[in-house]
Amino acid sequence: VYEQPCYVFPVSTAKSELPVRIDFAGGWSDTPPWSLERLGKVFNMAICLDGVAPVGSEIMVTSKLGVSMIDDANHHLSIEDPSTLNAPFQVDDPFRLVKSALIVTGVAYSSALKHNGLSIRTWANVPRGSGLGTSSILAASVVKCILRVMGRGESDSDITNLVLLLEQLMGTGGGWQD
């Protein structure tokens, strides 16, 4: 009898801290529906605040099965079986971004979660709704960490494509300019 090798996470921890985005001109002119009717152009820049990249995430592989999440507002959630996650998620769900990241990266359905669990911590040290690109930048941080613990490539192109997919799954329609 041939037994398939057990897939485990090749990396035990991953951390990603990213700067926020400030628009100088043209913010949102590159996103639908505007961009479908007119050519959009945006002039922006990534910035740190007080010398620190204010948005980030950290993932640790654990021996406890399932996925546990905690955010900077001290919301906690544990999901025993991430393969049961289904979008759309409630707009007021503080973990819809992380849940969407688990889906678009495929880790929610990974056989590695039959042998290990994940602990995911996120933070954004800027006001929510600040217009600094926080949600898509946080999505990039989470996606980057997930790809890292899965041992997959984490090219800017891969991360960008997954974040755009994640934003669509969340129903926000944003992320294009970030």
Protein backbone atom coordinates (compact mmCIF):
# COMPACT_ATOMS: atom_id res chain seq x y z
CA VAL A 1 0.00 0.00 0.00
CA TYR A 2 1.43 3.36 -1.07
CA GLU A 3 1.09 6.03 1.60
CA GLN A 4 1.21 9.66 0.57
CA PRO A 5 3.83 11.68 2.43
CA CYS A 6 2.45 13.91 5.15
CA TYR A 7 2.55 17.57 4.12
CA VAL A 8 3.68 19.89 6.88
CA PHE A 9 4.44 23.58 6.92
CA PRO A 10 8.11 24.03 5.99
CA VAL A 11 8.42 27.34 7.89
CA SER A 12 7.29 27.66 11.51
CA THR A 13 6.91 31.44 11.81
CA ALA A 14 6.50 34.39 9.49
CA LYS A 15 6.20 38.09 10.16
CA SER A 16 5.53 40.92 7.73
CA GLU A 17 5.37 44.65 8.48
CA LEU A 18 4.44 47.04 5.70
CA PRO A 19 4.18 50.81 5.18
CA VAL A 20 0.91 52.57 4.41
CA ARG A 21 0.01 54.50 1.28
CA ILE A 22 -0.59 58.20 0.96
CA ASP A 23 -2.23 59.62 -2.18
CA PHE A 24 -0.96 62.87 -3.60
CA ALA A 25 -3.39 62.95 -6.52
CA GLY A 26 -5.87 60.78 -8.38
CA GLY A 27 -6.83 58.40 -5.59
CA TRP A 28 -9.48 55.90 -6.73
CA SER A 29 -9.41 57.12 -10.34
CA ASP A 30 -7.81 53.77 -11.28
CA THR A 31 -10.63 51.60 -9.89
CA PRO A 32 -13.92 50.59 -11.47
CA PRO A 33 -16.31 52.08 -12.38
CA TRP A 34 -14.27 55.26 -13.03
CA SER A 35 -11.44 53.41 -14.79
CA LEU A 36 -13.90 51.66 -17.10
CA GLU A 37 -14.99 55.03 -18.50
CA ARG A 38 -11.80 57.11 -18.22
CA LEU A 39 -8.09 56.51 -17.94
CA GLY A 40 -7.13 56.62 -14.26
CA LYS A 41 -3.79 57.75 -12.92
CA VAL A 42 -2.69 57.78 -9.32
CA PHE A 43 0.32 59.41 -7.72
CA ASN A 44 1.06 57.97 -4.30
CA MET A 45 3.87 56.85 -2.03
CA ALA A 46 4.46 54.23 0.64
CA ILE A 47 5.35 55.74 4.01
CA CYS A 48 6.32 54.61 7.48
CA LEU A 49 4.95 56.45 10.51
CA ASP A 50 7.49 57.54 13.11
CA GLY A 51 10.02 55.34 11.33
CA VAL A 52 7.88 52.21 11.67
CA ALA A 53 5.89 50.21 9.12
CA PRO A 54 2.50 50.36 10.89
CA VAL A 55 0.62 47.45 9.29
CA GLY A 56 1.53 43.85 9.84
CA SER A 57 0.86 40.25 10.64
CA GLU A 58 2.58 37.32 12.25
CA ILE A 59 1.80 33.65 11.77
CA MET A 60 3.05 30.80 13.92
CA VAL A 61 2.61 27.12 13.18
CA THR A 62 1.22 25.39 16.26
CA SER A 63 0.61 21.84 17.40
CA LYS A 64 -3.04 22.69 18.15
CA LEU A 65 -5.16 21.94 15.08
CA GLY A 66 -7.25 24.67 13.47
CA VAL A 67 -6.64 28.37 13.06
CA SER A 68 -6.69 30.93 15.85
CA MET A 69 -6.79 34.64 15.13
CA ILE A 70 -6.29 37.78 17.17
CA ASP A 71 -6.27 41.39 16.02
CA ASP A 72 -5.13 44.70 17.45
CA ALA A 73 -8.62 45.37 18.84
CA ASN A 74 -8.24 42.18 20.91
CA HIS A 75 -10.87 40.25 18.94
CA HIS A 76 -10.24 36.49 19.15
CA LEU A 77 -11.52 33.69 16.96
CA SER A 78 -10.71 29.98 16.69
CA ILE A 79 -11.78 27.89 13.72
CA GLU A 80 -11.48 24.15 14.22
CA ASP A 81 -11.92 23.26 10.54
CA PRO A 82 -10.87 26.07 8.17
CA SER A 83 -11.98 24.01 5.15
CA THR A 84 -15.56 24.91 6.13
CA LEU A 85 -14.97 28.63 5.48
CA ASN A 86 -17.31 30.05 2.85
CA ALA A 87 -17.60 33.57 1.50
CA PRO A 88 -19.28 35.98 1.57
CA PHE A 89 -18.49 36.96 5.13
CA GLN A 90 -20.42 39.50 7.17
CA VAL A 91 -19.26 43.09 6.62
CA ASP A 92 -18.81 43.56 10.37
CA ASP A 93 -16.77 40.35 10.78
CA PRO A 94 -13.40 41.52 12.18
CA PHE A 95 -11.71 38.48 10.61
CA ARG A 96 -13.20 38.48 7.12
CA LEU A 97 -9.87 39.67 5.69
CA VAL A 98 -7.92 36.83 7.34
CA LYS A 99 -10.60 34.28 6.43
CA SER A 100 -10.47 35.48 2.82
CA ALA A 101 -6.66 35.19 2.85
CA LEU A 102 -6.94 31.60 4.08
CA ILE A 103 -9.22 30.83 1.14
CA VAL A 104 -7.35 32.61 -1.70
CA THR A 105 -3.98 31.16 -0.68
CA GLY A 106 -5.46 27.66 -0.44
CA VAL A 107 -4.16 27.10 3.08
CA ALA A 108 -7.72 26.64 4.38
CA TYR A 109 -7.86 23.40 2.36
CA SER A 110 -4.24 22.34 2.87
CA SER A 111 -3.47 18.89 4.19
CA ALA A 112 -0.93 20.58 6.48
CA LEU A 113 -3.84 21.71 8.67
CA LYS A 114 -4.59 18.05 9.39
CA HIS A 115 -1.28 17.89 11.28
CA ASN A 116 -0.66 21.44 12.51
CA GLY A 117 -2.54 24.60 13.27
CA LEU A 118 -1.91 28.28 12.68
CA SER A 119 -1.97 31.23 15.04
CA ILE A 120 -2.47 34.50 13.14
CA ARG A 121 -2.01 37.93 14.70
CA THR A 122 -2.73 41.16 12.78
CA TRP A 123 -2.32 44.85 13.52
CA ALA A 124 -2.78 48.21 11.85
CA ASN A 125 -1.47 51.10 13.89
CA VAL A 126 -3.44 53.68 11.94
CA PRO A 127 -7.09 54.69 12.26
CA ARG A 128 -9.54 52.46 10.38
CA GLY A 129 -10.96 54.25 7.37
CA SER A 130 -7.96 56.59 7.25
CA GLY A 131 -7.60 56.28 3.48
CA LEU A 132 -4.05 54.98 3.89
CA GLY A 133 -4.73 51.69 2.10
CA THR A 134 -4.83 49.78 5.35
CA SER A 135 -7.08 46.87 4.37
CA SER A 136 -5.29 45.90 1.17
CA ILE A 137 -1.89 46.45 2.77
CA LEU A 138 -2.90 44.28 5.72
CA ALA A 139 -4.14 41.71 3.20
CA ALA A 140 -0.72 41.79 1.50
CA SER A 141 0.97 41.22 4.85
CA VAL A 142 -1.26 38.25 5.75
CA VAL A 143 -0.96 36.71 2.27
CA LYS A 144 2.83 37.13 2.36
CA CYS A 145 3.05 35.37 5.74
CA ILE A 146 0.77 32.53 4.64
CA LEU A 147 2.80 31.96 1.47
CA ARG A 148 5.97 31.99 3.55
CA VAL A 149 4.81 29.32 6.04
CA MET A 150 3.50 27.23 3.15
CA GLY A 151 6.94 27.41 1.53
CA ARG A 152 5.49 28.92 -1.63
CA GLY A 153 6.92 31.76 -3.69
CA GLU A 154 6.07 35.20 -2.43
CA SER A 155 6.81 37.37 -5.44
CA ASP A 156 5.26 40.83 -5.57
CA SER A 157 3.20 39.67 -8.55
CA ASP A 158 1.84 36.61 -6.69
CA ILE A 159 0.99 38.68 -3.62
CA THR A 160 -0.66 41.42 -5.70
CA ASN A 161 -2.82 38.96 -7.62
CA LEU A 162 -3.92 37.17 -4.45
CA VAL A 163 -4.72 40.46 -2.69
CA LEU A 164 -6.84 41.61 -5.63
CA LEU A 165 -8.69 38.30 -5.50
CA LEU A 166 -9.05 38.62 -1.72
CA GLU A 167 -10.50 42.14 -2.02
CA GLN A 168 -13.05 40.89 -4.55
CA LEU A 169 -13.94 37.94 -2.30
CA MET A 170 -14.48 40.39 0.57
CA GLY A 171 -16.66 42.52 -1.71
CA THR A 172 -14.74 45.74 -1.13
CA GLY A 173 -13.67 46.27 -4.74
CA GLY A 174 -10.55 48.06 -3.53
CA GLY A 175 -6.90 47.20 -3.47
CA TRP A 176 -6.06 48.15 -7.02
CA GLN A 177 -3.98 51.21 -6.18
CA ASP A 178 -2.12 49.59 -3.28
